[in-house]
Protein backbone atom coordinates (compact mmCIF):
# COMPACT_ATOMS: atom_id res chain seq x y z
CA MET A 1 69.26 4.36 15.35
CA LYS A 2 70.95 1.85 17.06
CA VAL A 3 74.69 1.46 17.04
CA GLN A 4 77.49 -0.42 18.76
CA LEU A 5 80.00 1.25 20.75
CA ASN A 6 83.17 -0.69 19.47
CA ASP A 7 81.94 0.54 16.12
CA ILE A 8 81.61 4.20 17.40
CA ARG A 9 85.46 3.88 19.12
CA ALA A 10 86.69 2.03 15.78
CA PRO A 11 89.39 3.92 14.04
CA GLU A 12 87.86 3.57 10.62
CA THR A 13 84.79 5.65 11.97
CA TRP A 14 87.01 8.79 12.55
CA GLY A 15 89.20 8.55 9.40
CA GLY A 16 92.30 6.40 11.23
CA LYS A 17 91.95 8.50 14.63
CA GLU A 18 90.14 7.20 17.82
CA PRO A 19 88.26 10.28 19.73
CA ILE A 20 90.57 11.17 23.09
CA ASN A 21 87.61 11.93 25.10
CA HIS A 22 85.19 10.53 27.42
CA SER A 23 82.42 11.16 25.03
CA PRO A 24 82.07 8.96 21.80
CA ALA A 25 78.40 8.96 21.67
CA PHE A 26 78.09 12.70 21.70
CA ASP A 27 80.91 12.77 18.98
CA TYR A 28 79.47 10.61 17.25
CA CYS A 29 75.94 12.73 17.41
CA ARG A 30 77.60 15.73 15.94
CA LYS A 31 79.12 13.50 12.85
CA LEU A 32 75.87 12.05 12.54
CA LEU A 33 74.36 15.96 12.24
CA LYS A 34 77.05 16.69 9.71
CA GLU A 35 76.34 14.34 7.71
CA GLY A 36 72.75 14.47 8.06
CA ALA A 37 70.87 12.24 9.87
CA ASN A 38 67.40 12.88 11.25
CA PRO A 39 68.31 15.40 14.71
CA ASP A 40 65.15 14.07 16.21
CA GLU A 41 66.22 10.73 16.51
CA PRO A 42 67.47 9.10 20.12
CA LEU A 43 70.61 7.56 19.69
CA GLU A 44 70.90 3.74 21.27
CA VAL A 45 74.48 2.46 22.35
CA TYR A 46 75.03 -1.09 22.82
CA ARG A 47 77.75 -3.49 23.96
CA GLY A 48 76.80 -6.71 22.10
CA GLU A 49 73.46 -7.03 22.36
CA LYS A 50 72.63 -5.05 25.77
CA LEU A 51 71.58 -1.74 25.35
CA ALA A 52 74.60 0.46 27.48
CA TYR A 53 72.73 3.60 27.15
CA THR A 54 70.42 6.09 25.33
CA VAL A 55 71.16 9.38 23.94
CA THR A 56 67.68 10.97 24.04
CA THR A 57 67.85 12.81 20.69
CA ILE A 58 71.21 13.18 18.00
CA GLU A 59 70.52 16.91 18.21
CA LEU A 60 70.91 17.18 21.80
CA GLY A 61 73.78 14.95 22.23
CA ALA A 62 75.87 17.09 19.81
CA THR A 63 75.39 19.67 22.21
CA LYS A 64 77.01 17.71 25.33
CA LYS A 65 80.40 16.37 26.23
CA ILE A 66 81.92 14.91 29.48
CA ARG A 67 84.33 16.33 31.19
CA GLU A 68 86.67 15.02 33.59
CA ASP A 69 90.32 15.94 35.25
CA LYS A 70 92.18 14.99 38.31
CA TYR A 71 90.22 17.27 40.67
CA ARG A 72 86.65 16.03 40.04
CA GLY A 73 85.05 13.35 38.62
CA PRO A 74 83.16 13.01 35.17
CA GLU A 75 80.33 15.57 34.31
CA GLU A 76 77.88 16.64 31.48
CA VAL A 77 79.05 19.91 30.51
CA LYS A 78 78.08 21.80 27.31
CA TYR A 79 80.07 21.21 23.83
CA LYS A 80 82.42 24.25 23.01
CA PRO A 81 83.99 23.44 19.51
CA PHE A 82 87.95 23.68 19.89
CA ILE A 83 89.13 27.19 18.12
CA PRO A 84 93.39 27.27 18.03
CA PHE A 85 94.41 30.63 19.03
CA LYS A 86 95.73 32.75 16.16
CA THR A 87 98.78 34.56 17.54
CA PRO A 88 98.58 38.65 16.46
CA VAL A 89 100.23 40.03 13.64
CA ALA A 90 102.44 42.77 14.38
CA VAL A 91 101.75 45.57 12.39
CA THR A 92 104.65 47.66 11.18
CA THR A 93 104.21 51.39 9.69
């Protein structure tokens, strides 16, 4: 599957919001899987006419993300979905 990097980052792709992390192609792989894309198909990401990079398979890309902070440079890590913390409810007797 071929896709333009600008199309991946477009707010229309994400319901009006742009992903705020450093791995839009990996986010896009997760979105494609939810929409029923072939998980074994590679994802080719282009900048204009030039191939920027390739994700080996959509399924593999969906399991990855890029982590970076002020102490270390970017690194590829396993994707873990964000689960909000729930405040425990006090039980009274």
